[in-house]
Amino acid sequence: MTLTVRLDSAVESALERYCIERGVTKSLVVQECLATYLLADQAQGATARHAAATTQPASVSANYKAFADAGFIGAGELGGGSADKAAVRARAMQRIRRAAE
């Protein structure tokens, strides 16, 4: 699976340094961090971090809202069906046409 993540410049620089110093790839570091984060969360149950996340919803960016409205995010929730690229593209075009009417 391919995942694209936006990082602020400080985190990006720290990741670059970490990878160079240890001779590892960014992909490996991210995979290990996610595994550690997710497994620790599972083992601890409802942590303070999880409780805070459920009580304070994260703000959604305007870009995220626009992509969700266009049908590119949450494709599996758009009335079921396949979430392959062609199906997502078709649903997005339907939404764009409806919005233009």
N, C-alpha and C. Protein backbone atom coordinates (compact mmCIF):
# COMPACT_ATOMS: atom_id res chain seq x y z
N MET A 1 0.84 -1.18 0.00
CA MET A 1 0.00 0.00 0.00
C MET A 1 0.88 1.23 0.00
N THR A 2 0.49 2.21 -0.74
CA THR A 2 1.20 3.49 -0.77
C THR A 2 0.39 4.50 0.03
N LEU A 3 1.10 5.30 0.84
CA LEU A 3 0.46 6.30 1.67
C LEU A 3 1.24 7.59 1.53
N THR A 4 0.54 8.69 1.31
CA THR A 4 1.18 9.99 1.22
C THR A 4 0.83 10.77 2.47
N VAL A 5 1.84 11.36 3.11
CA VAL A 5 1.64 12.08 4.35
C VAL A 5 2.31 13.45 4.24
N ARG A 6 1.61 14.49 4.68
CA ARG A 6 2.20 15.83 4.72
C ARG A 6 2.85 16.03 6.09
N LEU A 7 4.08 16.52 6.07
CA LEU A 7 4.82 16.79 7.30
C LEU A 7 5.22 18.26 7.33
N ASP A 8 5.23 18.84 8.54
CA ASP A 8 5.75 20.20 8.62
C ASP A 8 7.26 20.12 8.49
N SER A 9 7.90 21.24 8.24
CA SER A 9 9.33 21.24 7.93
C SER A 9 10.18 20.72 9.08
N ALA A 10 9.80 20.98 10.32
CA ALA A 10 10.59 20.49 11.46
C ALA A 10 10.56 18.97 11.55
N VAL A 11 9.39 18.38 11.37
CA VAL A 11 9.28 16.92 11.42
C VAL A 11 10.00 16.30 10.23
N GLU A 12 9.87 16.92 9.07
CA GLU A 12 10.55 16.40 7.88
C GLU A 12 12.07 16.41 8.08
N SER A 13 12.60 17.50 8.62
CA SER A 13 14.05 17.59 8.87
C SER A 13 14.50 16.55 9.88
N ALA A 14 13.71 16.38 10.94
CA ALA A 14 14.05 15.40 11.97
C ALA A 14 14.04 13.99 11.38
N LEU A 15 13.06 13.70 10.54
CA LEU A 15 12.99 12.38 9.90
C LEU A 15 14.18 12.16 8.99
N GLU A 16 14.54 13.16 8.21
CA GLU A 16 15.71 13.06 7.32
C GLU A 16 16.98 12.74 8.12
N ARG A 17 17.21 13.53 9.19
CA ARG A 17 18.39 13.31 10.03
C ARG A 17 18.40 11.92 10.64
N TYR A 18 17.26 11.50 11.16
CA TYR A 18 17.14 10.19 11.79
C TYR A 18 17.49 9.09 10.80
N CYS A 19 16.96 9.19 9.61
CA CYS A 19 17.20 8.15 8.60
C CYS A 19 18.66 8.11 8.16
N ILE A 20 19.25 9.28 7.98
CA ILE A 20 20.66 9.35 7.57
C ILE A 20 21.56 8.79 8.67
N GLU A 21 21.33 9.21 9.92
CA GLU A 21 22.15 8.76 11.03
C GLU A 21 22.09 7.25 11.23
N ARG A 22 20.94 6.65 10.98
CA ARG A 22 20.77 5.23 11.23
C ARG A 22 20.84 4.37 9.98
N GLY A 23 20.88 5.00 8.83
CA GLY A 23 20.96 4.27 7.57
C GLY A 23 19.70 3.47 7.27
N VAL A 24 18.55 4.06 7.56
CA VAL A 24 17.28 3.39 7.29
C VAL A 24 16.43 4.27 6.38
N THR A 25 15.39 3.68 5.80
CA THR A 25 14.52 4.44 4.91
C THR A 25 13.41 5.12 5.69
N LYS A 26 12.86 6.16 5.10
CA LYS A 26 11.72 6.84 5.71
C LYS A 26 10.55 5.88 5.85
N SER A 27 10.37 5.06 4.83
CA SER A 27 9.28 4.10 4.84
C SER A 27 9.38 3.17 6.05
N LEU A 28 10.57 2.67 6.31
CA LEU A 28 10.76 1.77 7.45
C LEU A 28 10.43 2.47 8.76
N VAL A 29 10.90 3.70 8.92
CA VAL A 29 10.66 4.46 10.15
C VAL A 29 9.16 4.68 10.34
N VAL A 30 8.47 5.09 9.29
CA VAL A 30 7.03 5.34 9.40
C VAL A 30 6.29 4.05 9.71
N GLN A 31 6.65 2.94 9.04
CA GLN A 31 6.00 1.66 9.31
C GLN A 31 6.19 1.23 10.77
N GLU A 32 7.41 1.36 11.27
CA GLU A 32 7.67 0.97 12.65
C GLU A 32 6.96 1.88 13.64
N CYS A 33 6.94 3.17 13.36
CA CYS A 33 6.25 4.10 14.26
C CYS A 33 4.75 3.83 14.29
N LEU A 34 4.16 3.61 13.14
CA LEU A 34 2.73 3.30 13.09
C LEU A 34 2.42 2.00 13.82
N ALA A 35 3.24 0.99 13.60
CA ALA A 35 3.02 -0.30 14.27
C ALA A 35 3.11 -0.12 15.78
N THR A 36 4.12 0.59 16.25
CA THR A 36 4.29 0.82 17.68
C THR A 36 3.10 1.60 18.24
N TYR A 37 2.71 2.65 17.55
CA TYR A 37 1.61 3.51 17.98
C TYR A 37 0.31 2.72 18.05
N LEU A 38 0.02 1.99 17.01
CA LEU A 38 -1.24 1.25 16.95
C LEU A 38 -1.28 0.08 17.92
N LEU A 39 -0.17 -0.65 18.05
CA LEU A 39 -0.13 -1.78 18.98
C LEU A 39 -0.19 -1.30 20.42
N ALA A 40 0.49 -0.19 20.73
CA ALA A 40 0.45 0.35 22.09
C ALA A 40 -0.96 0.80 22.43
N ASP A 41 -1.63 1.41 21.47
CA ASP A 41 -2.99 1.87 21.69
C ASP A 41 -3.92 0.69 21.94
N GLN A 42 -3.73 -0.39 21.19
CA GLN A 42 -4.54 -1.60 21.38
C GLN A 42 -4.31 -2.20 22.76
N ALA A 43 -3.05 -2.28 23.16
CA ALA A 43 -2.71 -2.91 24.42
C ALA A 43 -3.21 -2.11 25.62
N GLN A 44 -3.22 -0.80 25.52
CA GLN A 44 -3.61 0.05 26.64
C GLN A 44 -5.10 0.34 26.68
N GLY A 45 -5.81 -0.03 25.66
CA GLY A 45 -7.25 0.25 25.63
C GLY A 45 -7.48 1.73 25.41
N ALA A 46 -8.43 2.29 26.13
CA ALA A 46 -8.78 3.70 25.96
C ALA A 46 -7.75 4.55 26.71
N THR A 47 -6.80 5.09 25.97
CA THR A 47 -5.76 5.92 26.57
C THR A 47 -6.22 7.37 26.65
N ALA A 48 -5.44 8.17 27.32
CA ALA A 48 -5.78 9.60 27.41
C ALA A 48 -5.80 10.22 26.02
N ARG A 49 -4.87 9.78 25.15
CA ARG A 49 -4.81 10.31 23.80
C ARG A 49 -6.09 9.98 23.05
N HIS A 50 -6.53 8.75 23.19
CA HIS A 50 -7.75 8.31 22.51
C HIS A 50 -8.96 9.06 23.07
N ALA A 51 -9.01 9.20 24.37
CA ALA A 51 -10.13 9.90 25.00
C ALA A 51 -10.18 11.35 24.52
N ALA A 52 -9.02 12.00 24.44
CA ALA A 52 -8.99 13.38 23.97
C ALA A 52 -9.42 13.47 22.51
N ALA A 53 -9.03 12.50 21.72
CA ALA A 53 -9.39 12.51 20.30
C ALA A 53 -10.89 12.33 20.11
N THR A 54 -11.53 11.56 20.98
CA THR A 54 -12.97 11.34 20.82
C THR A 54 -13.79 12.49 21.38
N THR A 55 -13.24 13.24 22.34
CA THR A 55 -13.99 14.35 22.91
C THR A 55 -13.77 15.65 22.14
N GLN A 56 -12.61 15.76 21.47
CA GLN A 56 -12.31 16.96 20.70
C GLN A 56 -12.07 16.56 19.25
N PRO A 57 -13.09 16.66 18.41
CA PRO A 57 -12.88 16.26 17.03
C PRO A 57 -11.82 17.13 16.35
N ALA A 58 -10.99 16.49 15.54
CA ALA A 58 -9.96 17.21 14.82
C ALA A 58 -10.60 18.13 13.79
N SER A 59 -9.99 19.28 13.59
CA SER A 59 -10.53 20.20 12.59
C SER A 59 -10.23 19.64 11.21
N VAL A 60 -11.16 19.80 10.32
CA VAL A 60 -11.02 19.28 8.96
C VAL A 60 -10.68 20.45 8.06
N SER A 61 -9.64 20.27 7.24
CA SER A 61 -9.21 21.34 6.36
C SER A 61 -10.20 21.55 5.22
N ALA A 62 -10.13 22.71 4.62
CA ALA A 62 -10.99 23.03 3.48
C ALA A 62 -10.69 22.08 2.32
N ASN A 63 -9.41 21.71 2.14
CA ASN A 63 -9.06 20.77 1.07
C ASN A 63 -9.71 19.42 1.29
N TYR A 64 -9.68 18.93 2.53
CA TYR A 64 -10.29 17.64 2.84
C TYR A 64 -11.79 17.70 2.53
N LYS A 65 -12.45 18.78 2.96
CA LYS A 65 -13.88 18.92 2.70
C LYS A 65 -14.18 18.92 1.21
N ALA A 66 -13.36 19.64 0.44
CA ALA A 66 -13.58 19.71 -1.01
C ALA A 66 -13.40 18.34 -1.65
N PHE A 67 -12.36 17.62 -1.26
CA PHE A 67 -12.15 16.28 -1.82
C PHE A 67 -13.26 15.32 -1.40
N ALA A 68 -13.71 15.43 -0.17
CA ALA A 68 -14.81 14.57 0.30
C ALA A 68 -16.08 14.89 -0.47
N ASP A 69 -16.36 16.17 -0.66
CA ASP A 69 -17.56 16.58 -1.41
C ASP A 69 -17.50 16.10 -2.86
N ALA A 70 -16.29 16.06 -3.42
CA ALA A 70 -16.14 15.61 -4.81
C ALA A 70 -16.20 14.10 -4.94
N GLY A 71 -16.18 13.39 -3.80
CA GLY A 71 -16.29 11.94 -3.85
C GLY A 71 -14.97 11.21 -3.85
N PHE A 72 -13.87 11.92 -3.61
CA PHE A 72 -12.57 11.26 -3.60
C PHE A 72 -12.21 10.66 -2.25
N ILE A 73 -12.89 11.08 -1.19
CA ILE A 73 -12.64 10.57 0.15
C ILE A 73 -13.93 9.91 0.63
N GLY A 74 -13.78 8.74 1.23
CA GLY A 74 -14.95 8.03 1.72
C GLY A 74 -15.74 7.38 0.60
N ALA A 75 -15.05 6.94 -0.45
CA ALA A 75 -15.73 6.37 -1.61
C ALA A 75 -16.54 5.14 -1.24
N GLY A 76 -16.09 4.38 -0.26
CA GLY A 76 -16.81 3.19 0.15
C GLY A 76 -18.13 3.51 0.82
N GLU A 77 -18.29 4.74 1.28
CA GLU A 77 -19.51 5.16 1.97
C GLU A 77 -20.50 5.84 1.04
N LEU A 78 -20.19 5.95 -0.23
CA LEU A 78 -21.05 6.67 -1.16
C LEU A 78 -22.09 5.75 -1.77
N GLY A 79 -22.82 5.06 -0.94
CA GLY A 79 -23.85 4.18 -1.47
C GLY A 79 -23.33 2.80 -1.80
N GLY A 80 -22.23 2.41 -1.18
CA GLY A 80 -21.71 1.06 -1.40
C GLY A 80 -21.01 0.94 -2.74
N GLY A 81 -20.76 -0.27 -3.12
CA GLY A 81 -20.10 -0.51 -4.40
C GLY A 81 -18.60 -0.51 -4.28
N SER A 82 -17.98 -0.62 -5.41
CA SER A 82 -16.53 -0.72 -5.48
C SER A 82 -15.87 0.62 -5.18
N ALA A 83 -14.67 0.53 -4.65
CA ALA A 83 -13.91 1.75 -4.38
C ALA A 83 -12.67 1.81 -5.26
N ASP A 84 -12.70 1.10 -6.41
CA ASP A 84 -11.55 1.18 -7.31
C ASP A 84 -11.55 2.56 -7.99
N LYS A 85 -10.45 2.86 -8.67
CA LYS A 85 -10.29 4.20 -9.24
C LYS A 85 -11.41 4.58 -10.20
N ALA A 86 -11.80 3.65 -11.05
CA ALA A 86 -12.84 3.96 -12.03
C ALA A 86 -14.17 4.28 -11.34
N ALA A 87 -14.50 3.51 -10.30
CA ALA A 87 -15.76 3.74 -9.59
C ALA A 87 -15.73 5.08 -8.85
N VAL A 88 -14.62 5.39 -8.22
CA VAL A 88 -14.49 6.66 -7.50
C VAL A 88 -14.58 7.82 -8.48
N ARG A 89 -13.90 7.69 -9.62
CA ARG A 89 -13.94 8.73 -10.64
C ARG A 89 -15.37 8.95 -11.14
N ALA A 90 -16.09 7.85 -11.38
CA ALA A 90 -17.47 7.96 -11.88
C ALA A 90 -18.36 8.65 -10.85
N ARG A 91 -18.23 8.28 -9.57
CA ARG A 91 -19.04 8.91 -8.53
C ARG A 91 -18.69 10.38 -8.38
N ALA A 92 -17.42 10.70 -8.50
CA ALA A 92 -16.99 12.10 -8.39
C ALA A 92 -17.58 12.91 -9.54
N MET A 93 -17.55 12.37 -10.74
CA MET A 93 -18.11 13.09 -11.88
C MET A 93 -19.61 13.29 -11.71
N GLN A 94 -20.31 12.30 -11.15
CA GLN A 94 -21.74 12.45 -10.89
C GLN A 94 -21.99 13.60 -9.93
N ARG A 95 -21.19 13.68 -8.88
CA ARG A 95 -21.37 14.75 -7.89
C ARG A 95 -21.06 16.12 -8.51
N ILE A 96 -20.03 16.18 -9.33
CA ILE A 96 -19.67 17.44 -9.98
C ILE A 96 -20.79 17.89 -10.90
N ARG A 97 -21.34 16.96 -11.67
CA ARG A 97 -22.45 17.31 -12.58
C ARG A 97 -23.66 17.79 -11.78
N ARG A 98 -23.98 17.09 -10.67
CA ARG A 98 -25.12 17.51 -9.85
C ARG A 98 -24.90 18.90 -9.28
N ALA A 99 -23.67 19.18 -8.85
CA ALA A 99 -23.37 20.50 -8.26
C ALA A 99 -23.47 21.60 -9.30
N ALA A 100 -23.17 21.27 -10.57
CA ALA A 100 -23.21 22.27 -11.63
C ALA A 100 -24.63 22.57 -12.09
N GLU A 101 -25.57 21.69 -11.79
CA GLU A 101 -26.96 21.88 -12.23
C GLU A 101 -27.67 22.96 -11.48
